[in-house]
């Protein structure tokens, strides 16, 4: 059971439904299926009201101005799908150079890309299908609703990398703070890789690096007229485990507490092991892409809970309240690691068995008991095996352009920043090379925390002639 892959957070729903042998989503299928792959806000352009313009790719069927659509958002792992939202296409825009003019009676057919206005709730990654109430007479609409599952289909959406850098934002006045919240809400709709956290005392903004954050701050000043006070960046560390281990004694770990006059009792036996999908690793490098923890439930635990042995965890979460409590208890505890309270990543939690003094009936009456027991089992097991856990820090691929006579200095500087240097290419510019003016290109990898503010340091050691670009590669084990 430990080797059984969990389907938590799996792929998007399979596309179902066909007509005349043509699968729904095929370019020749008559029913609409489209993906909103980008959302931008250009206030006052094209009569779009609040300025929201949705760029969509049509995979099958066609879309027209004033069509009534259904919008579906892919659910997060472990969460129930949202109810489809109904929208109406207010118009289509002609995008040619700097012109954003309305197209009268616009039509977008299969294989084409369109710019839509009037869609108020669509965000990047949403799936768009035709509403059952759109077009045709009552008989045809009733027939379509019976024979079609299009309104329950959603595409995988747009995958966004996890943020690696966080900054604290403040404004000078309470009025500007309100405007900041509204502006960040719009920007996060456009860019799903931005993460905004609002608290009573501060606004936290997370992005993919210094340049990403700088661009957002520049847009806040240029487009929204906000003067922002930005705090010191902090790096998004994660924690993981280096080898497998299970609850103490290799058996059920009992949880028995009296909270508010209510007794919470249950016992859980689980096993934690490293889990890194092959596609998330790099050859000859400890660097890895992050993946959320997976939770799987073994046959003994399923038997006690009275759930289907062959059903996926993803399905059982929706059908069994006690099963959902068990899985969510583990997932919640894995959000805090034993080293620095950073979220756990690249970990698989396999629940071997569960038990309770009152049996399944007691857990059905109080699912919170099993959720608390599962969280306790994960937390206690991680603390007991803290030596088998390690920190992960974001690692960047670095490309530096500099004068060839400064290569040695830059390489030494990167080594001192815990970086590794790969290829060094020195150009041959004839007379310029003889005079020591040729350029060099340096490739390497370096932890993100070591290159915060690196632009100033690089200019200093290269006499103002050095420049660099950095891109997130993954997270690597570290000893900080």
Protein backbone atom coordinates (compact mmCIF):
# COMPACT_ATOMS: atom_id res chain seq x y z
CA UNK A 1 0.00 0.00 0.00
CA UNK A 2 2.91 2.35 0.69
CA UNK A 3 3.88 2.32 -2.98
CA UNK A 4 0.39 3.08 -4.19
CA UNK A 5 0.39 6.50 -5.83
CA UNK A 6 -2.10 8.91 -4.38
CA UNK A 7 -4.36 10.78 -6.76
CA UNK A 8 -4.69 13.78 -4.48
CA UNK A 9 -4.20 16.90 -6.53
CA UNK A 10 -4.33 14.88 -9.73
CA UNK A 11 -4.99 15.95 -13.28
CA UNK A 12 -8.01 17.86 -14.45
CA UNK A 13 -11.28 16.10 -15.24
CA UNK A 14 -11.19 13.93 -18.32
CA UNK A 15 -12.99 15.45 -21.25
CA UNK A 16 -16.13 13.49 -21.94
CA UNK A 17 -19.00 13.70 -24.37
CA UNK A 18 -18.85 13.17 -28.13
CA UNK A 19 -20.97 13.89 -31.15
CA UNK A 20 -20.90 11.84 -34.35
CA UNK A 21 -17.76 10.13 -33.08
CA UNK A 22 -15.92 13.43 -32.50
CA UNK A 23 -14.73 13.91 -28.89
CA UNK A 24 -15.63 17.09 -27.05
CA UNK A 25 -12.64 19.44 -27.33
CA UNK A 26 -11.72 18.26 -30.83
CA UNK A 27 -11.55 21.16 -33.31
CA UNK A 28 -14.45 19.66 -35.29
CA UNK A 29 -16.79 19.28 -32.32
CA UNK A 30 -19.62 21.86 -32.49
CA UNK A 31 -19.75 22.62 -28.74
CA UNK A 32 -17.70 25.50 -27.37
CA UNK A 33 -14.58 24.77 -25.30
CA UNK A 34 -12.13 27.61 -24.65
CA UNK A 35 -9.34 28.52 -22.23
CA UNK A 36 -8.76 31.97 -20.73
CA UNK A 37 -4.97 32.02 -20.91
CA UNK A 38 -4.40 35.67 -20.00
CA UNK A 39 -6.26 38.51 -18.28
CA UNK A 40 -5.17 42.15 -18.42
CA UNK A 41 -6.71 45.42 -17.22
CA UNK A 42 -6.68 48.38 -19.60
CA UNK A 43 -9.17 50.85 -18.22
CA UNK A 44 -11.03 52.82 -20.84
CA UNK A 45 -9.92 50.59 -23.71
CA UNK A 46 -12.54 49.07 -25.95
CA UNK A 47 -15.49 49.95 -23.74
CA UNK A 48 -14.60 47.22 -21.28
CA UNK A 49 -15.95 48.95 -18.16
CA UNK A 50 -13.47 48.12 -15.39
CA UNK A 51 -10.84 47.48 -18.05
CA UNK A 52 -10.73 43.68 -17.79
CA UNK A 53 -9.82 42.06 -21.10
CA UNK A 54 -9.76 38.27 -21.36
CA UNK A 55 -7.58 36.58 -23.97
CA UNK A 56 -9.05 33.17 -24.81
CA UNK A 57 -8.11 30.30 -27.11
CA UNK A 58 -11.05 28.44 -28.65
CA UNK A 59 -10.43 24.68 -28.95
CA UNK A 60 -13.81 23.67 -30.39
CA UNK A 61 -17.05 25.29 -31.44
CA UNK A 62 -17.34 29.05 -31.80
CA UNK A 63 -17.95 32.11 -29.66
CA UNK A 64 -19.89 35.21 -30.62
CA UNK A 65 -20.51 38.65 -29.19
CA UNK A 66 -23.40 38.62 -26.68
CA UNK A 67 -23.14 34.84 -26.16
CA UNK A 68 -24.00 33.57 -22.67
CA UNK A 69 -21.15 31.45 -21.29
CA UNK A 70 -20.38 29.26 -18.32
CA UNK A 71 -17.03 29.82 -16.59
CA UNK A 72 -15.38 27.00 -14.63
CA UNK A 73 -12.28 27.29 -12.45
CA UNK A 74 -10.09 24.18 -11.88
CA UNK A 75 -10.39 23.22 -8.18
CA UNK A 76 -7.37 23.21 -5.90
CA UNK A 77 -6.21 19.76 -4.73
CA UNK A 78 -8.46 18.43 -1.99
CA UNK A 79 -11.15 21.07 -2.56
CA UNK A 80 -14.57 20.72 -4.13
CA UNK A 81 -15.07 22.37 -7.54
CA UNK A 82 -16.64 25.80 -7.53
CA UNK A 83 -20.12 26.28 -8.90
CA UNK A 84 -20.00 27.35 -12.59
CA UNK A 85 -20.46 31.07 -13.11
CA UNK A 86 -22.60 32.56 -15.89
CA UNK A 87 -21.13 35.42 -17.95
CA UNK A 88 -22.13 37.29 -21.09
CA UNK A 89 -19.69 38.40 -23.78
CA UNK A 90 -19.98 42.16 -23.99
CA UNK A 91 -17.83 42.44 -27.10
CA UNK A 92 -14.67 41.44 -28.91
CA UNK A 93 -11.68 43.67 -29.56
CA UNK A 94 -9.51 44.03 -32.61
CA UNK A 95 -5.88 43.97 -31.48
CA UNK A 96 -3.70 45.61 -34.11
CA UNK A 97 -0.66 47.54 -32.95
CA UNK A 98 -1.86 50.02 -30.35
CA UNK A 99 -5.51 49.93 -31.46
CA UNK A 100 -8.15 48.32 -29.27
CA UNK A 101 -11.37 48.85 -31.19
CA UNK A 102 -14.63 46.92 -30.89
CA UNK A 103 -15.55 44.39 -33.57
CA UNK A 104 -19.21 44.50 -34.51
CA UNK A 105 -20.86 41.05 -34.29
CA UNK A 106 -17.50 39.42 -33.62
CA UNK A 107 -17.08 35.66 -34.05
CA UNK A 108 -14.17 33.50 -32.86
CA UNK A 109 -13.99 29.99 -34.31
CA UNK A 110 -12.12 26.84 -33.38
CA UNK A 111 -8.34 27.32 -33.36
CA UNK A 112 -8.51 31.11 -33.05
CA UNK A 113 -7.58 33.51 -30.25
CA UNK A 114 -9.87 36.35 -29.21
CA UNK A 115 -9.91 39.30 -26.80
CA UNK A 116 -13.18 39.50 -24.84
CA UNK A 117 -14.69 42.31 -22.77
CA UNK A 118 -17.55 42.26 -20.31
CA UNK A 119 -16.46 39.09 -18.44
CA UNK A 120 -16.32 40.24 -14.83
CA UNK A 121 -15.25 37.09 -12.94
CA UNK A 122 -12.93 35.30 -15.38
CA UNK A 123 -9.34 34.80 -14.22
CA UNK A 124 -6.30 33.30 -15.89
CA UNK A 125 -6.69 29.53 -16.35
CA UNK A 126 -10.50 29.39 -16.37
CA UNK A 127 -12.38 27.11 -18.75
CA UNK A 128 -15.16 28.60 -20.87
CA UNK A 129 -18.07 26.58 -22.28
CA UNK A 130 -21.46 27.54 -23.73
CA UNK A 131 -24.25 27.97 -21.19
CA UNK A 132 -27.10 25.46 -21.44
CA UNK A 133 -29.50 28.38 -21.67
CA UNK A 134 -27.76 29.93 -24.67
CA UNK A 135 -29.46 29.77 -28.03
CA UNK A 136 -31.98 27.36 -29.53
CA UNK A 137 -35.53 26.52 -28.50
CA UNK A 138 -36.59 24.84 -25.27
CA UNK A 139 -36.64 21.35 -26.79
CA UNK A 140 -33.08 21.59 -28.15
CA UNK A 141 -31.80 23.08 -24.87
CA UNK A 142 -33.41 20.25 -22.87
CA UNK A 143 -31.90 17.66 -25.18
CA UNK A 144 -28.49 19.28 -24.96
CA UNK A 145 -28.57 19.37 -21.17
CA UNK A 146 -29.45 15.67 -21.00
CA UNK A 147 -26.89 14.43 -23.46
CA UNK A 148 -23.98 16.71 -22.74
CA UNK A 149 -21.55 16.89 -19.85
CA UNK A 150 -19.79 19.94 -21.22
CA UNK A 151 -20.75 22.12 -18.28
CA UNK A 152 -18.79 19.88 -15.90
CA UNK A 153 -15.61 19.83 -17.97
CA UNK A 154 -12.60 21.95 -17.11
CA UNK A 155 -9.15 22.20 -18.62
CA UNK A 156 -5.97 21.88 -16.60
CA UNK A 157 -5.51 25.65 -16.53
CA UNK A 158 -2.25 27.58 -16.44
CA UNK A 159 0.42 26.19 -14.11
CA UNK A 160 2.22 28.87 -12.09
CA UNK A 161 5.56 28.43 -10.33
CA UNK A 162 5.49 28.76 -6.55
CA UNK A 163 6.70 32.13 -5.21
CA UNK A 164 10.26 32.19 -3.86
CA UNK A 165 10.56 35.75 -2.49
CA UNK A 166 8.34 37.68 -0.09
CA UNK A 167 8.27 41.39 0.80
CA UNK A 168 6.20 43.49 3.17
CA UNK A 169 4.37 46.46 1.65
CA UNK A 170 3.15 49.54 3.50
CA UNK A 171 1.56 52.84 2.49
CA UNK A 172 1.69 56.26 4.11
CA UNK A 173 -2.07 56.63 4.62
CA UNK A 174 -5.06 54.37 5.27
CA UNK A 175 -6.68 55.61 2.04
CA UNK A 176 -3.70 54.49 0.01
CA UNK A 177 -3.75 51.13 1.83
CA UNK A 178 -7.26 50.52 0.50
CA UNK A 179 -6.13 51.46 -3.01
CA UNK A 180 -3.12 49.13 -2.63
CA UNK A 181 -5.37 46.19 -1.77
CA UNK A 182 -7.55 46.87 -4.82
CA UNK A 183 -4.54 47.25 -7.11
CA UNK A 184 -2.89 44.05 -5.89
CA UNK A 185 -6.18 42.22 -6.38
CA UNK A 186 -6.19 43.25 -10.05
CA UNK A 187 -2.51 42.39 -10.55
CA UNK A 188 -2.89 38.94 -8.97
CA UNK A 189 -5.75 38.21 -11.38
CA UNK A 190 -3.47 39.07 -14.29
CA UNK A 191 -0.47 37.18 -12.88
CA UNK A 192 -1.33 33.95 -10.97
CA UNK A 193 2.30 33.59 -9.82
CA UNK A 194 1.79 36.60 -7.52
CA UNK A 195 0.61 35.74 -4.02
CA UNK A 196 -0.95 38.45 -1.86
CA UNK A 197 -1.53 37.93 1.87
CA UNK A 198 -3.51 40.57 3.76
CA UNK A 199 -3.19 40.76 7.55
CA UNK A 200 -4.36 43.29 10.12
CA UNK A 201 -0.89 44.81 10.36
CA UNK A 202 0.69 44.34 6.92
CA UNK A 203 0.37 43.37 3.28
CA UNK A 204 2.72 40.59 2.15
CA UNK A 205 3.56 40.16 -1.54
CA UNK A 206 5.30 37.03 -2.84
CA UNK A 207 6.81 36.64 -6.32
CA UNK A 208 9.37 34.77 -8.40
CA UNK A 209 12.37 36.98 -7.66
CA UNK A 210 13.68 40.50 -7.19
CA UNK A 211 12.94 41.57 -10.76
CA UNK A 212 9.39 40.24 -10.54
CA UNK A 213 8.74 42.21 -7.34
CA UNK A 214 10.39 45.34 -8.79
CA UNK A 215 8.13 45.22 -11.85
CA UNK A 216 5.04 44.96 -9.65
CA UNK A 217 6.18 47.91 -7.51
CA UNK A 218 6.86 49.95 -10.66
CA UNK A 219 3.36 49.19 -11.98
CA UNK A 220 1.81 50.18 -8.65
CA UNK A 221 3.55 53.55 -8.91
CA UNK A 222 3.12 54.12 -12.64
CA UNK A 223 -0.42 52.81 -13.21
CA UNK A 224 -2.05 53.36 -9.82
CA UNK A 225 -0.08 56.33 -8.50
CA UNK A 226 0.82 54.62 -5.22
CA UNK A 227 3.92 55.35 -3.16
CA UNK A 228 4.90 52.08 -1.54
CA UNK A 229 7.27 51.44 1.36
CA UNK A 230 8.85 48.05 0.67
CA UNK A 231 10.43 45.93 3.41
CA UNK A 232 13.48 43.68 3.23
CA UNK A 233 12.91 40.62 0.98
CA UNK A 234 12.70 37.22 2.65
CA UNK A 235 13.33 33.94 0.85
CA UNK A 236 10.68 31.20 0.72
CA UNK A 237 12.34 28.18 2.30
CA UNK A 238 10.73 24.75 2.39
CA UNK A 239 11.37 21.56 4.34
CA UNK A 240 11.49 17.94 3.23
CA UNK A 241 12.62 14.55 4.48
CA UNK A 242 15.65 12.54 3.36
CA UNK A 243 14.43 9.03 4.24
CA UNK A 244 11.23 7.23 5.18
CA UNK A 245 9.99 6.80 8.76
CA UNK A 246 6.74 5.98 10.58
CA UNK A 247 4.92 6.72 13.82
CA UNK A 248 6.73 5.77 17.02
CA UNK A 249 6.94 2.03 17.57
CA UNK A 250 5.67 1.32 14.07
CA UNK A 251 2.12 1.15 15.32
CA UNK A 252 -0.94 3.28 16.09
CA UNK A 253 -0.22 6.58 17.84
CA UNK A 254 -3.04 7.40 20.25
CA UNK A 255 -4.50 10.90 20.61
CA UNK A 256 -6.77 11.52 23.61
CA UNK A 257 -7.60 15.09 24.66
CA UNK A 258 -10.43 16.82 26.51
CA UNK A 259 -11.19 20.15 24.81
CA UNK A 260 -14.05 22.33 25.97
CA UNK A 261 -15.68 19.41 27.77
CA UNK A 262 -15.55 17.26 24.62
CA UNK A 263 -13.30 14.23 24.43
CA UNK A 264 -11.35 13.82 21.19
CA UNK A 265 -9.93 10.30 20.84
CA UNK A 266 -8.52 8.43 17.85
CA UNK A 267 -5.33 6.60 16.87
CA UNK A 268 -3.40 6.84 13.60
CA UNK A 269 -0.53 4.84 12.14
CA UNK A 270 1.21 6.52 9.20
CA UNK A 271 4.41 6.41 7.18
CA UNK A 272 6.26 9.40 5.70
CA UNK A 273 8.68 9.10 2.79
CA UNK A 274 10.38 11.37 0.24
CA UNK A 275 8.43 11.80 -2.96
CA UNK A 276 9.87 13.67 -5.93
CA UNK A 277 8.18 13.10 -9.30
CA UNK A 278 10.81 12.17 -11.95
CA UNK A 279 9.86 15.20 -14.04
CA UNK A 280 10.72 17.47 -11.08
CA UNK A 281 14.37 16.40 -10.84
CA UNK A 282 17.51 17.48 -12.71
CA UNK A 283 20.31 15.13 -13.88
CA UNK A 284 23.51 15.39 -11.81
CA UNK A 285 22.00 18.06 -9.54
CA UNK A 286 20.37 17.95 -6.08
CA UNK A 287 18.02 20.71 -7.24
CA UNK A 288 14.34 19.78 -7.52
CA UNK A 289 11.04 21.44 -8.35
CA UNK A 290 8.57 21.67 -5.50
CA UNK A 291 5.48 19.50 -5.30
CA UNK A 292 2.77 19.62 -2.65
CA UNK A 293 2.64 16.77 -0.12
CA UNK A 294 0.61 13.75 -1.18
CA UNK A 295 -1.65 11.81 1.17
CA UNK A 296 -2.65 8.21 0.45
CA UNK A 297 -4.79 5.87 2.58
CA UNK A 298 -4.05 2.15 2.87
CA UNK A 299 -6.46 -0.78 2.74
CA UNK A 300 -6.66 -1.31 6.52
CA UNK A 301 -7.56 2.32 7.14
CA UNK A 302 -10.11 2.25 4.31
CA UNK A 303 -11.67 -0.90 5.74
CA UNK A 304 -12.09 0.70 9.17
CA UNK A 305 -13.59 3.85 7.61
CA UNK A 306 -15.95 1.79 5.45
CA UNK A 307 -14.97 3.37 2.14
CA UNK A 308 -14.37 1.90 -1.32
CA UNK A 309 -10.98 0.19 -1.60
CA UNK A 310 -10.55 1.11 -5.27
CA UNK A 311 -11.76 4.72 -5.20
CA UNK A 312 -9.20 7.52 -5.35
CA UNK A 313 -8.49 9.78 -2.39
CA UNK A 314 -9.61 12.70 -4.55
CA UNK A 315 -13.11 11.22 -4.89
CA UNK A 316 -13.46 9.93 -1.33
CA UNK A 317 -12.76 13.39 0.11
CA UNK A 318 -16.07 14.57 -1.37
CA UNK A 319 -18.14 11.52 -0.40
CA UNK A 320 -16.97 10.76 3.16
CA UNK A 321 -16.77 13.44 5.86
CA UNK A 322 -14.60 11.31 8.13
CA UNK A 323 -12.23 10.46 5.26
CA UNK A 324 -11.98 14.15 4.43
CA UNK A 325 -11.14 14.94 8.07
CA UNK A 326 -8.35 12.34 8.03
CA UNK A 327 -6.73 13.68 4.86
CA UNK A 328 -7.09 17.35 5.78
CA UNK A 329 -5.57 16.69 9.20
CA UNK A 330 -2.43 15.32 7.57
CA UNK A 331 -2.28 18.08 4.96
CA UNK A 332 -2.68 20.79 7.60
CA UNK A 333 0.12 19.40 9.77
CA UNK A 334 2.45 19.19 6.76
CA UNK A 335 2.23 22.96 6.36
CA UNK A 336 4.69 23.36 9.26
CA UNK A 337 7.96 21.47 9.34
CA UNK A 338 10.03 20.61 12.44
CA UNK A 339 13.10 22.72 11.59
CA UNK A 340 11.91 26.26 10.93
CA UNK A 341 8.13 25.89 10.65
CA UNK A 342 8.38 26.14 6.86
CA UNK A 343 5.90 24.20 4.73
CA UNK A 344 6.82 20.62 3.85
CA UNK A 345 7.31 19.75 0.18
CA UNK A 346 8.08 16.65 -1.86
CA UNK A 347 6.72 14.34 0.84
CA UNK A 348 4.28 11.44 0.67
CA UNK A 349 2.20 10.57 3.72
CA UNK A 350 0.72 7.07 3.69
CA UNK A 351 -1.90 6.33 6.33
CA UNK A 352 -1.56 2.68 7.26
CA UNK A 353 -4.36 2.31 9.80
CA UNK A 354 -6.75 4.21 12.06
CA UNK A 355 -8.74 3.24 15.13
CA UNK A 356 -11.05 4.70 17.76
CA UNK A 357 -12.49 3.41 21.03
CA UNK A 358 -16.04 4.16 19.90
CA UNK A 359 -15.49 2.71 16.44
CA UNK A 360 -16.51 4.34 13.21
CA UNK A 361 -19.77 5.61 14.73
CA UNK A 362 -17.83 7.80 17.17
CA UNK A 363 -15.73 9.29 14.36
CA UNK A 364 -18.80 9.92 12.19
CA UNK A 365 -20.35 11.80 15.12
CA UNK A 366 -17.17 13.85 15.65
CA UNK A 367 -14.88 13.87 12.57
CA UNK A 368 -12.76 16.55 14.23
CA UNK A 369 -11.33 13.89 16.54
CA UNK A 370 -9.79 12.02 13.62
CA UNK A 371 -8.54 15.25 12.06
CA UNK A 372 -6.82 16.22 15.30
CA UNK A 373 -5.36 12.72 15.70
CA UNK A 374 -3.98 12.74 12.15
CA UNK A 375 -2.39 16.17 12.62
CA UNK A 376 -0.89 15.05 15.94
CA UNK A 377 0.54 11.89 14.36
CA UNK A 378 2.23 13.84 11.56
CA UNK A 379 3.63 16.54 13.88
CA UNK A 380 4.91 14.03 16.48
CA UNK A 381 6.50 11.80 13.82
CA UNK A 382 8.28 14.74 12.19
CA UNK A 383 9.61 16.03 15.53
CA UNK A 384 10.82 12.55 16.53
CA UNK A 385 12.68 12.19 13.23
CA UNK A 386 13.89 15.79 12.94
CA UNK A 387 17.40 14.60 12.04
CA UNK A 388 15.98 13.05 8.87
CA UNK A 389 14.56 16.40 7.72
CA UNK A 390 16.35 19.13 5.80
CA UNK A 391 15.76 22.65 4.56
CA UNK A 392 15.26 23.48 0.89
CA UNK A 393 16.24 26.89 -0.48
CA UNK A 394 15.41 28.40 -3.90
CA UNK A 395 18.24 28.10 -6.42
CA UNK A 396 18.66 30.35 -9.46
CA UNK A 397 20.41 29.81 -12.76
CA UNK A 398 22.65 32.79 -13.38
CA UNK A 399 23.96 34.32 -16.59
CA UNK A 400 26.56 37.07 -16.20
CA UNK A 401 27.95 39.28 -18.97
CA UNK A 402 31.21 40.99 -18.04
CA UNK A 403 34.63 42.11 -19.35
CA UNK A 404 36.92 39.12 -19.88
CA UNK A 405 39.59 40.50 -17.55
CA UNK A 406 37.09 40.39 -14.66
CA UNK A 407 36.18 36.69 -14.94
CA UNK A 408 38.44 35.59 -12.10
CA UNK A 409 37.04 38.19 -9.71
CA UNK A 410 33.42 37.34 -10.51
CA UNK A 411 34.01 33.58 -10.25
CA UNK A 412 35.64 34.08 -6.85
CA UNK A 413 32.74 36.26 -5.73
CA UNK A 414 30.13 33.67 -6.82
CA UNK A 415 32.03 30.88 -5.07
CA UNK A 416 31.90 32.91 -1.88
CA UNK A 417 28.14 33.13 -2.34
CA UNK A 418 27.85 29.31 -2.37
CA UNK A 419 27.41 29.35 -6.13
CA UNK A 420 28.73 26.91 -8.72
CA UNK A 421 30.12 28.10 -12.05
CA UNK A 422 29.52 26.10 -15.20
CA UNK A 423 30.45 27.36 -18.66
CA UNK A 424 32.64 30.43 -19.16
CA UNK A 425 32.67 31.73 -22.73
CA UNK A 426 35.20 34.43 -23.63
CA UNK A 427 34.61 36.31 -26.86
CA UNK A 428 37.28 36.96 -29.47
CA UNK A 429 36.94 40.52 -30.76
CA UNK A 430 40.26 40.88 -32.51
CA UNK A 431 42.00 44.14 -31.57
CA UNK A 432 39.57 44.65 -28.69
CA UNK A 433 40.52 41.27 -27.23
CA UNK A 434 44.22 42.12 -27.50
CA UNK A 435 43.54 45.33 -25.58
CA UNK A 436 41.65 43.43 -22.89
CA UNK A 437 38.23 44.76 -23.88
CA UNK A 438 36.55 41.50 -24.97
CA UNK A 439 33.38 40.32 -23.29
CA UNK A 440 32.80 37.08 -21.40
CA UNK A 441 29.63 35.10 -20.67
CA UNK A 442 29.40 33.11 -17.47
CA UNK A 443 26.78 30.49 -16.56
CA UNK A 444 26.22 29.16 -13.06
CA UNK A 445 23.85 28.37 -10.22
CA UNK A 446 23.55 30.22 -6.93
CA UNK A 447 21.10 30.31 -3.98
CA UNK A 448 18.59 33.14 -4.27
CA UNK A 449 19.34 34.47 -0.80
CA UNK A 450 22.97 35.06 -1.83
CA UNK A 451 22.16 37.30 -4.82
CA UNK A 452 19.69 39.69 -3.23
CA UNK A 453 21.05 43.09 -4.27
CA UNK A 454 23.66 41.42 -6.49
CA UNK A 455 23.32 44.04 -9.24
CA UNK A 456 25.12 46.68 -7.16
CA UNK A 457 27.88 44.27 -6.13
CA UNK A 458 28.43 43.14 -9.71
CA UNK A 459 28.70 46.69 -10.99
CA UNK A 460 31.18 47.46 -8.24
CA UNK A 461 33.58 44.58 -9.02
CA UNK A 462 33.35 45.00 -12.80
CA UNK A 463 33.72 48.76 -13.00
CA UNK A 464 30.06 49.22 -13.98
CA UNK A 465 30.33 46.94 -17.05
CA UNK A 466 28.79 43.74 -15.63
CA UNK A 467 25.17 42.69 -16.00
CA UNK A 468 23.30 39.54 -15.05
CA UNK A 469 20.01 37.73 -15.40
CA UNK A 470 18.65 35.07 -13.03
CA UNK A 471 15.89 32.50 -13.41
CA UNK A 472 14.37 30.18 -10.83
CA UNK A 473 15.52 26.59 -11.32
CA UNK A 474 14.24 24.78 -8.25
CA UNK A 475 14.90 24.19 -4.55
CA UNK A 476 18.10 22.60 -3.24
CA UNK A 477 19.01 21.11 0.18
CA UNK A 478 20.94 23.51 2.41
CA UNK A 479 22.47 23.60 5.89
CA UNK A 480 21.31 27.08 6.96
